[in-house]
């Protein structure tokens, strides 16, 4: 039972990471973020990205805060399994 909970949490973090990647890649295509999918992804990813954007300023025209946000999610996903290993 505990394994399934941790597996679900890890899967949710992975899906959210992919949602972030897709949302970021949509910025390369004109009008993609204004589509229904783009607006949905914006609603679920912008609240997470906003604190990173406040801390990490853009370098020229390059915003590296989403990269840091994805790395933080990956570390959280790894931390889930470390926590599972400590509990079992």
PDB file of N, CA and C in Angstrom:
ATOM      1  N   UNK A   1       0.823  -1.191   0.000  1.00  0.00           N
ATOM      2  CA  UNK A   1       0.000   0.000   0.000  1.00  0.00           C
ATOM      3  C   UNK A   1       0.873   1.264   0.000  1.00  0.00           C
ATOM      4  N   UNK A   2       1.895   1.286   0.840  1.00  0.00           N
ATOM      5  CA  UNK A   2       2.769   2.455   0.923  1.00  0.00           C
ATOM      6  C   UNK A   2       3.519   2.668  -0.391  1.00  0.00           C
ATOM      7  N   UNK A   3       3.945   1.572  -1.027  1.00  0.00           N
ATOM      8  CA  UNK A   3       4.643   1.686  -2.297  1.00  0.00           C
ATOM      9  C   UNK A   3       3.758   2.344  -3.349  1.00  0.00           C
ATOM     10  N   UNK A   4       2.479   1.982  -3.382  1.00  0.00           N
ATOM     11  CA  UNK A   4       1.561   2.547  -4.376  1.00  0.00           C
ATOM     12  C   UNK A   4       1.385   4.049  -4.176  1.00  0.00           C
ATOM     13  N   UNK A   5       1.345   4.484  -2.921  1.00  0.00           N
ATOM     14  CA  UNK A   5       1.204   5.909  -2.631  1.00  0.00           C
ATOM     15  C   UNK A   5       2.432   6.667  -3.139  1.00  0.00           C
ATOM     16  N   UNK A   6       3.613   6.135  -2.852  1.00  0.00           N
ATOM     17  CA  UNK A   6       4.838   6.788  -3.301  1.00  0.00           C
ATOM     18  C   UNK A   6       4.984   6.727  -4.819  1.00  0.00           C
ATOM     19  N   UNK A   7       4.562   5.631  -5.418  1.00  0.00           N
ATOM     20  CA  UNK A   7       4.594   5.508  -6.876  1.00  0.00           C
ATOM     21  C   UNK A   7       3.653   6.534  -7.510  1.00  0.00           C
ATOM     22  N   UNK A   8       2.467   6.714  -6.937  1.00  0.00           N
ATOM     23  CA  UNK A   8       1.513   7.701  -7.437  1.00  0.00           C
ATOM     24  C   UNK A   8       2.077   9.108  -7.320  1.00  0.00           C
ATOM     25  N   UNK A   9       2.693   9.416  -6.196  1.00  0.00           N
ATOM     26  CA  UNK A   9       3.295  10.730  -6.000  1.00  0.00           C
ATOM     27  C   UNK A   9       4.433  10.967  -6.991  1.00  0.00           C
ATOM     28  N   UNK A  10       5.268   9.973  -7.198  1.00  0.00           N
ATOM     29  CA  UNK A  10       6.365  10.088  -8.147  1.00  0.00           C
ATOM     30  C   UNK A  10       5.833  10.267  -9.576  1.00  0.00           C
ATOM     31  N   UNK A  11       4.792   9.535  -9.920  1.00  0.00           N
ATOM     32  CA  UNK A  11       4.195   9.654 -11.251  1.00  0.00           C
ATOM     33  C   UNK A  11       3.579  11.035 -11.444  1.00  0.00           C
ATOM     34  N   UNK A  12       2.913  11.557 -10.420  1.00  0.00           N
ATOM     35  CA  UNK A  12       2.319  12.892 -10.505  1.00  0.00           C
ATOM     36  C   UNK A  12       3.402  13.953 -10.721  1.00  0.00           C
ATOM     37  N   UNK A  13       4.519  13.827 -10.026  1.00  0.00           N
ATOM     38  CA  UNK A  13       5.626  14.771 -10.216  1.00  0.00           C
ATOM     39  C   UNK A  13       6.207  14.663 -11.621  1.00  0.00           C
ATOM     40  N   UNK A  14       6.287  13.463 -12.148  1.00  0.00           N
ATOM     41  CA  UNK A  14       6.795  13.259 -13.501  1.00  0.00           C
ATOM     42  C   UNK A  14       5.851  13.870 -14.536  1.00  0.00           C
ATOM     43  N   UNK A  15       4.564  13.666 -14.365  1.00  0.00           N
ATOM     44  CA  UNK A  15       3.582  14.244 -15.290  1.00  0.00           C
ATOM     45  C   UNK A  15       3.640  15.771 -15.230  1.00  0.00           C
ATOM     46  N   UNK A  16       3.773  16.312 -14.038  1.00  0.00           N
ATOM     47  CA  UNK A  16       3.858  17.762 -13.894  1.00  0.00           C
ATOM     48  C   UNK A  16       5.133  18.293 -14.554  1.00  0.00           C
ATOM     49  N   UNK A  17       6.226  17.548 -14.451  1.00  0.00           N
ATOM     50  CA  UNK A  17       7.470  17.959 -15.124  1.00  0.00           C
ATOM     51  C   UNK A  17       7.264  18.018 -16.631  1.00  0.00           C
ATOM     52  N   UNK A  18       6.582  17.024 -17.174  1.00  0.00           N
ATOM     53  CA  UNK A  18       6.305  17.018 -18.614  1.00  0.00           C
ATOM     54  C   UNK A  18       5.375  18.158 -19.001  1.00  0.00           C
ATOM     55  N   UNK A  19       4.411  18.475 -18.141  1.00  0.00           N
ATOM     56  CA  UNK A  19       3.525  19.611 -18.413  1.00  0.00           C
ATOM     57  C   UNK A  19       4.339  20.905 -18.477  1.00  0.00           C
ATOM     58  N   UNK A  20       5.299  21.054 -17.578  1.00  0.00           N
ATOM     59  CA  UNK A  20       6.178  22.226 -17.599  1.00  0.00           C
ATOM     60  C   UNK A  20       6.997  22.284 -18.885  1.00  0.00           C
ATOM     61  N   UNK A  21       7.559  21.160 -19.276  1.00  0.00           N
ATOM     62  CA  UNK A  21       8.377  21.120 -20.492  1.00  0.00           C
ATOM     63  C   UNK A  21       7.538  21.478 -21.714  1.00  0.00           C
ATOM     64  N   UNK A  22       6.344  20.921 -21.811  1.00  0.00           N
ATOM     65  CA  UNK A  22       5.476  21.222 -22.942  1.00  0.00           C
ATOM     66  C   UNK A  22       5.096  22.701 -22.939  1.00  0.00           C
ATOM     67  N   UNK A  23       4.766  23.230 -21.776  1.00  0.00           N
ATOM     68  CA  UNK A  23       4.394  24.642 -21.681  1.00  0.00           C
ATOM     69  C   UNK A  23       5.556  25.541 -22.093  1.00  0.00           C
ATOM     70  N   UNK A  24       6.747  25.191 -21.684  1.00  0.00           N
ATOM     71  CA  UNK A  24       7.925  25.980 -22.044  1.00  0.00           C
ATOM     72  C   UNK A  24       8.181  25.910 -23.551  1.00  0.00           C
ATOM     73  N   UNK A  25       8.068  24.720 -24.122  1.00  0.00           N
ATOM     74  CA  UNK A  25       8.285  24.573 -25.563  1.00  0.00           C
ATOM     75  C   UNK A  25       7.218  25.298 -26.380  1.00  0.00           C
ATOM     76  N   UNK A  26       6.033  25.452 -25.816  1.00  0.00           N
ATOM     77  CA  UNK A  26       4.963  26.164 -26.523  1.00  0.00           C
ATOM     78  C   UNK A  26       5.313  27.629 -26.756  1.00  0.00           C
ATOM     79  N   UNK A  27       6.247  28.165 -25.975  1.00  0.00           N
ATOM     80  CA  UNK A  27       6.634  29.558 -26.164  1.00  0.00           C
ATOM     81  C   UNK A  27       7.388  29.756 -27.482  1.00  0.00           C
ATOM     82  N   UNK A  28       7.860  28.682 -28.080  1.00  0.00           N
ATOM     83  CA  UNK A  28       8.573  28.773 -29.351  1.00  0.00           C
ATOM     84  C   UNK A  28       7.623  28.909 -30.541  1.00  0.00           C
ATOM     85  N   UNK A  29       6.352  28.608 -30.337  1.00  0.00           N
ATOM     86  CA  UNK A  29       5.378  28.621 -31.426  1.00  0.00           C
ATOM     87  C   UNK A  29       4.388  29.761 -31.210  1.00  0.00           C
ATOM     88  N   UNK A  30       4.290  30.669 -32.178  1.00  0.00           N
ATOM     89  CA  UNK A  30       3.385  31.820 -32.018  1.00  0.00           C
ATOM     90  C   UNK A  30       1.936  31.376 -31.804  1.00  0.00           C
ATOM     91  N   UNK A  31       1.309  31.918 -30.791  1.00  0.00           N
ATOM     92  CA  UNK A  31      -0.090  31.651 -30.525  1.00  0.00           C
ATOM     93  C   UNK A  31      -0.385  30.342 -29.820  1.00  0.00           C
ATOM     94  N   UNK A  32       0.625  29.526 -29.574  1.00  0.00           N
ATOM     95  CA  UNK A  32       0.382  28.220 -28.952  1.00  0.00           C
ATOM     96  C   UNK A  32      -0.099  28.368 -27.510  1.00  0.00           C
ATOM     97  N   UNK A  33       0.419  29.346 -26.801  1.00  0.00           N
ATOM     98  CA  UNK A  33       0.005  29.525 -25.403  1.00  0.00           C
ATOM     99  C   UNK A  33      -1.398  30.113 -25.291  1.00  0.00           C
ATOM    100  N   UNK A  34      -1.914  30.657 -26.391  1.00  0.00           N
ATOM    101  CA  UNK A  34      -3.274  31.200 -26.378  1.00  0.00           C
ATOM    102  C   UNK A  34      -4.311  30.141 -26.733  1.00  0.00           C
ATOM    103  N   UNK A  35      -3.867  28.955 -27.099  1.00  0.00           N
ATOM    104  CA  UNK A  35      -4.799  27.868 -27.402  1.00  0.00           C
ATOM    105  C   UNK A  35      -5.391  27.328 -26.100  1.00  0.00           C
ATOM    106  N   UNK A  36      -6.375  26.469 -26.225  1.00  0.00           N
ATOM    107  CA  UNK A  36      -7.003  25.882 -25.041  1.00  0.00           C
ATOM    108  C   UNK A  36      -6.017  25.097 -24.199  1.00  0.00           C
ATOM    109  N   UNK A  37      -5.179  24.303 -24.861  1.00  0.00           N
ATOM    110  CA  UNK A  37      -4.176  23.506 -24.146  1.00  0.00           C
ATOM    111  C   UNK A  37      -3.160  24.428 -23.483  1.00  0.00           C
ATOM    112  N   UNK A  38      -2.739  25.462 -24.211  1.00  0.00           N
ATOM    113  CA  UNK A  38      -1.766  26.406 -23.661  1.00  0.00           C
ATOM    114  C   UNK A  38      -2.297  27.143 -22.444  1.00  0.00           C
ATOM    115  N   UNK A  39      -3.566  27.540 -22.504  1.00  0.00           N
ATOM    116  CA  UNK A  39      -4.158  28.222 -21.358  1.00  0.00           C
ATOM    117  C   UNK A  39      -4.296  27.288 -20.159  1.00  0.00           C
ATOM    118  N   UNK A  40      -4.675  26.033 -20.418  1.00  0.00           N
ATOM    119  CA  UNK A  40      -4.770  25.056 -19.328  1.00  0.00           C
ATOM    120  C   UNK A  40      -3.406  24.826 -18.680  1.00  0.00           C
ATOM    121  N   UNK A  41      -2.383  24.608 -19.524  1.00  0.00           N
ATOM    122  CA  UNK A  41      -1.038  24.401 -18.988  1.00  0.00           C
ATOM    123  C   UNK A  41      -0.548  25.634 -18.241  1.00  0.00           C
ATOM    124  N   UNK A  42      -0.901  26.815 -18.735  1.00  0.00           N
ATOM    125  CA  UNK A  42      -0.519  28.049 -18.051  1.00  0.00           C
ATOM    126  C   UNK A  42      -1.135  28.148 -16.664  1.00  0.00           C
ATOM    127  N   UNK A  43      -2.392  27.726 -16.549  1.00  0.00           N
ATOM    128  CA  UNK A  43      -3.071  27.793 -15.252  1.00  0.00           C
ATOM    129  C   UNK A  43      -2.453  26.852 -14.226  1.00  0.00           C
ATOM    130  N   UNK A  44      -1.959  25.699 -14.695  1.00  0.00           N
ATOM    131  CA  UNK A  44      -1.402  24.752 -13.722  1.00  0.00           C
ATOM    132  C   UNK A  44       0.099  24.922 -13.506  1.00  0.00           C
ATOM    133  N   UNK A  45       0.809  25.572 -14.436  1.00  0.00           N
ATOM    134  CA  UNK A  45       2.262  25.690 -14.286  1.00  0.00           C
ATOM    135  C   UNK A  45       2.733  27.067 -13.824  1.00  0.00           C
ATOM    136  N   UNK A  46       2.024  28.118 -14.188  1.00  0.00           N
ATOM    137  CA  UNK A  46       2.473  29.470 -13.822  1.00  0.00           C
ATOM    138  C   UNK A  46       2.574  29.683 -12.311  1.00  0.00           C
ATOM    139  N   UNK A  47       1.628  29.174 -11.503  1.00  0.00           N
ATOM    140  CA  UNK A  47       1.800  29.370 -10.044  1.00  0.00           C
ATOM    141  C   UNK A  47       3.087  28.746  -9.497  1.00  0.00           C
ATOM    142  N   UNK A  48       3.530  27.651 -10.105  1.00  0.00           N
ATOM    143  CA  UNK A  48       4.782  27.015  -9.678  1.00  0.00           C
ATOM    144  C   UNK A  48       5.991  27.783 -10.216  1.00  0.00           C
ATOM    145  N   UNK A  49       5.905  28.281 -11.441  1.00  0.00           N
ATOM    146  CA  UNK A  49       7.040  28.969 -12.056  1.00  0.00           C
ATOM    147  C   UNK A  49       7.264  30.373 -11.491  1.00  0.00           C
ATOM    148  N   UNK A  50       6.207  31.021 -11.035  1.00  0.00           N
ATOM    149  CA  UNK A  50       6.304  32.415 -10.589  1.00  0.00           C
ATOM    150  C   UNK A  50       7.357  32.648  -9.498  1.00  0.00           C
ATOM    151  N   UNK A  51       7.417  31.845  -8.433  1.00  0.00           N
ATOM    152  CA  UNK A  51       8.471  32.097  -7.428  1.00  0.00           C
ATOM    153  C   UNK A  51       9.886  31.974  -7.993  1.00  0.00           C
ATOM    154  N   UNK A  52      10.081  31.046  -8.929  1.00  0.00           N
ATOM    155  CA  UNK A  52      11.409  30.899  -9.537  1.00  0.00           C
ATOM    156  C   UNK A  52      11.746  32.125 -10.379  1.00  0.00           C
ATOM    157  N   UNK A  53      10.753  32.670 -11.070  1.00  0.00           N
ATOM    158  CA  UNK A  53      10.986  33.862 -11.892  1.00  0.00           C
ATOM    159  C   UNK A  53      11.297  35.085 -11.032  1.00  0.00           C
ATOM    160  N   UNK A  54      10.750  35.123  -9.818  1.00  0.00           N
ATOM    161  CA  UNK A  54      11.041  36.241  -8.913  1.00  0.00           C
ATOM    162  C   UNK A  54      12.459  36.169  -8.383  1.00  0.00           C
ATOM    163  N   UNK A  55      12.960  34.955  -8.187  1.00  0.00           N
ATOM    164  CA  UNK A  55      14.304  34.763  -7.620  1.00  0.00           C
ATOM    165  C   UNK A  55      15.393  34.848  -8.685  1.00  0.00           C
ATOM    166  N   UNK A  56      15.136  34.250  -9.861  1.00  0.00           N
ATOM    167  CA  UNK A  56      16.154  34.144 -10.904  1.00  0.00           C
ATOM    168  C   UNK A  56      15.807  35.104 -12.042  1.00  0.00           C
ATOM    169  N   UNK A  57      16.579  36.171 -12.198  1.00  0.00           N
ATOM    170  CA  UNK A  57      16.278  37.114 -13.281  1.00  0.00           C
ATOM    171  C   UNK A  57      16.679  36.534 -14.644  1.00  0.00           C
ATOM    172  N   UNK A  58      16.008  36.975 -15.715  1.00  0.00           N
ATOM    173  CA  UNK A  58      16.396  36.512 -17.051  1.00  0.00           C
ATOM    174  C   UNK A  58      17.798  36.985 -17.415  1.00  0.00           C
ATOM    175  N   UNK A  59      18.481  36.180 -18.189  1.00  0.00           N
ATOM    176  CA  UNK A  59      19.802  36.544 -18.701  1.00  0.00           C
ATOM    177  C   UNK A  59      19.595  36.991 -20.145  1.00  0.00           C
ATOM    178  N   UNK A  60      19.580  38.282 -20.359  1.00  0.00           N
ATOM    179  CA  UNK A  60      19.244  38.805 -21.678  1.00  0.00           C
ATOM    180  C   UNK A  60      17.793  38.467 -21.989  1.00  0.00           C
ATOM    181  N   UNK A  61      17.578  37.738 -23.062  1.00  0.00           N
ATOM    182  CA  UNK A  61      16.229  37.306 -23.415  1.00  0.00           C
ATOM    183  C   UNK A  61      15.975  35.859 -23.011  1.00  0.00           C
ATOM    184  N   UNK A  62      16.913  35.263 -22.295  1.00  0.00           N
ATOM    185  CA  UNK A  62      16.809  33.859 -21.904  1.00  0.00           C
ATOM    186  C   UNK A  62      16.358  33.748 -20.447  1.00  0.00           C
ATOM    187  N   UNK A  63      15.216  33.082 -20.254  1.00  0.00           N
ATOM    188  CA  UNK A  63      14.685  32.855 -18.910  1.00  0.00           C
ATOM    189  C   UNK A  63      15.071  31.436 -18.483  1.00  0.00           C
ATOM    190  N   UNK A  64      16.006  31.327 -17.545  1.00  0.00           N
ATOM    191  CA  UNK A  64      16.461  30.002 -17.114  1.00  0.00           C
ATOM    192  C   UNK A  64      15.698  29.486 -15.897  1.00  0.00           C
ATOM    193  N   UNK A  65      14.764  30.287 -15.385  1.00  0.00           N
ATOM    194  CA  UNK A  65      14.023  29.857 -14.196  1.00  0.00           C
ATOM    195  C   UNK A  65      13.231  28.564 -14.420  1.00  0.00           C
ATOM    196  N   UNK A  66      12.647  28.311 -15.606  1.00  0.00           N
ATOM    197  CA  UNK A  66      11.966  27.023 -15.782  1.00  0.00           C
ATOM    198  C   UNK A  66      12.901  25.821 -15.676  1.00  0.00           C
ATOM    199  N   UNK A  67      14.144  25.991 -16.082  1.00  0.00           N
ATOM    200  CA  UNK A  67      15.114  24.898 -15.972  1.00  0.00           C
ATOM    201  C   UNK A  67      15.354  24.574 -14.501  1.00  0.00           C
ATOM    202  N   UNK A  68      15.514  25.616 -13.691  1.00  0.00           N
ATOM    203  CA  UNK A  68      15.715  25.422 -12.259  1.00  0.00           C
ATOM    204  C   UNK A  68      14.469  24.793 -11.638  1.00  0.00           C
ATOM    205  N   UNK A  69      13.284  25.212 -12.099  1.00  0.00           N
ATOM    206  CA  UNK A  69      12.036  24.658 -11.575  1.00  0.00           C
ATOM    207  C   UNK A  69      11.926  23.163 -11.894  1.00  0.00           C
ATOM    208  N   UNK A  70      12.317  22.771 -13.086  1.00  0.00           N
ATOM    209  CA  UNK A  70      12.278  21.349 -13.465  1.00  0.00           C
ATOM    210  C   UNK A  70      13.293  20.556 -12.653  1.00  0.00           C
ATOM    211  N   UNK A  71      14.477  21.107 -12.440  1.00  0.00           N
ATOM    212  CA  UNK A  71      15.478  20.428 -11.613  1.00  0.00           C
ATOM    213  C   UNK A  71      14.955  20.253 -10.187  1.00  0.00           C
ATOM    214  N   UNK A  72      14.277  21.261  -9.670  1.00  0.00           N
ATOM    215  CA  UNK A  72      13.702  21.163  -8.316  1.00  0.00           C
ATOM    216  C   UNK A  72      12.655  20.047  -8.264  1.00  0.00           C
ATOM    217  N   UNK A  73      11.844  19.916  -9.306  1.00  0.00           N
ATOM    218  CA  UNK A  73      10.865  18.823  -9.345  1.00  0.00           C
ATOM    219  C   UNK A  73      11.546  17.465  -9.394  1.00  0.00           C
ATOM    220  N   UNK A  74      12.622  17.364 -10.155  1.00  0.00           N
ATOM    221  CA  UNK A  74      13.349  16.100 -10.239  1.00  0.00           C
ATOM    222  C   UNK A  74      13.970  15.741  -8.889  1.00  0.00           C
ATOM    223  N   UNK A  75      14.502  16.738  -8.207  1.00  0.00           N
ATOM    224  CA  UNK A  75      15.051  16.487  -6.870  1.00  0.00           C
ATOM    225  C   UNK A  75      13.949  16.051  -5.903  1.00  0.00           C
ATOM    226  N   UNK A  76      12.770  16.655  -6.030  1.00  0.00           N
ATOM    227  CA  UNK A  76      11.641  16.252  -5.187  1.00  0.00           C
ATOM    228  C   UNK A  76      11.230  14.816  -5.487  1.00  0.00           C
ATOM    229  N   UNK A  77      11.234  14.458  -6.758  1.00  0.00           N
ATOM    230  CA  UNK A  77      10.877  13.090  -7.147  1.00  0.00           C
ATOM    231  C   UNK A  77      11.883  12.095  -6.570  1.00  0.00           C
ATOM    232  N   UNK A  78      13.152  12.432  -6.649  1.00  0.00           N
ATOM    233  CA  UNK A  78      14.173  11.568  -6.053  1.00  0.00           C
ATOM    234  C   UNK A  78      14.018  11.511  -4.538  1.00  0.00           C
ATOM    235  N   UNK A  79      13.665  12.646  -3.941  1.00  0.00           N
ATOM    236  CA  UNK A  79      13.461  12.703  -2.503  1.00  0.00           C
ATOM    237  C   UNK A  79      12.305  11.830  -2.040  1.00  0.00           C
ATOM    238  N   UNK A  80      11.299  11.674  -2.897  1.00  0.00           N
ATOM    239  CA  UNK A  80      10.171  10.798  -2.576  1.00  0.00           C
ATOM    240  C   UNK A  80      10.676   9.382  -2.361  1.00  0.00           C
ATOM    241  N   UNK A  81      11.550   8.928  -3.244  1.00  0.00           N
ATOM    242  CA  UNK A  81      12.051   7.548  -3.129  1.00  0.00           C
ATOM    243  C   UNK A  81      13.039   7.395  -1.983  1.00  0.00           C
ATOM    244  N   UNK A  82      13.782   8.448  -1.682  1.00  0.00           N
ATOM    245  CA  UNK A  82      14.662   8.391  -0.507  1.00  0.00           C
ATOM    246  C   UNK A  82      13.818   8.266   0.761  1.00  0.00           C
ATOM    247  N   UNK A  83      12.734   9.049   0.815  1.00  0.00           N
ATOM    248  CA  UNK A  83      11.831   8.979   1.956  1.00  0.00           C
ATOM    249  C   UNK A  83      11.191   7.595   2.053  1.00  0.00           C
ATOM    250  N   UNK A  84      10.807   7.032   0.916  1.00  0.00           N
ATOM    251  CA  UNK A  84      10.232   5.691   0.913  1.00  0.00           C
ATOM    252  C   UNK A  84      11.242   4.675   1.458  1.00  0.00           C
ATOM    253  N   UNK A  85      12.496   4.800   1.017  1.00  0.00           N
ATOM    254  CA  UNK A  85      13.534   3.907   1.495  1.00  0.00           C
ATOM    255  C   UNK A  85      13.772   4.021   3.006  1.00  0.00           C
ATOM    256  N   UNK A  86      13.586   5.208   3.540  1.00  0.00           N
ATOM    257  CA  UNK A  86      13.757   5.405   4.981  1.00  0.00           C
ATOM    258  C   UNK A  86      12.600   4.814   5.764  1.00  0.00           C
ATOM    259  N   UNK A  87      11.417   4.804   5.156  1.00  0.00           N
ATOM    260  CA  UNK A  87      10.233   4.305   5.852  1.00  0.00           C
ATOM    261  C   UNK A  87      10.085   2.799   5.787  1.00  0.00           C
ATOM    262  N   UNK A  88      10.666   2.181   4.781  1.00  0.00           N
ATOM    263  CA  UNK A  88      10.497   0.724   4.619  1.00  0.00           C
ATOM    264  C   UNK A  88      11.578  -0.022   5.345  1.00  0.00           C
TER     265      UNK A  88
END
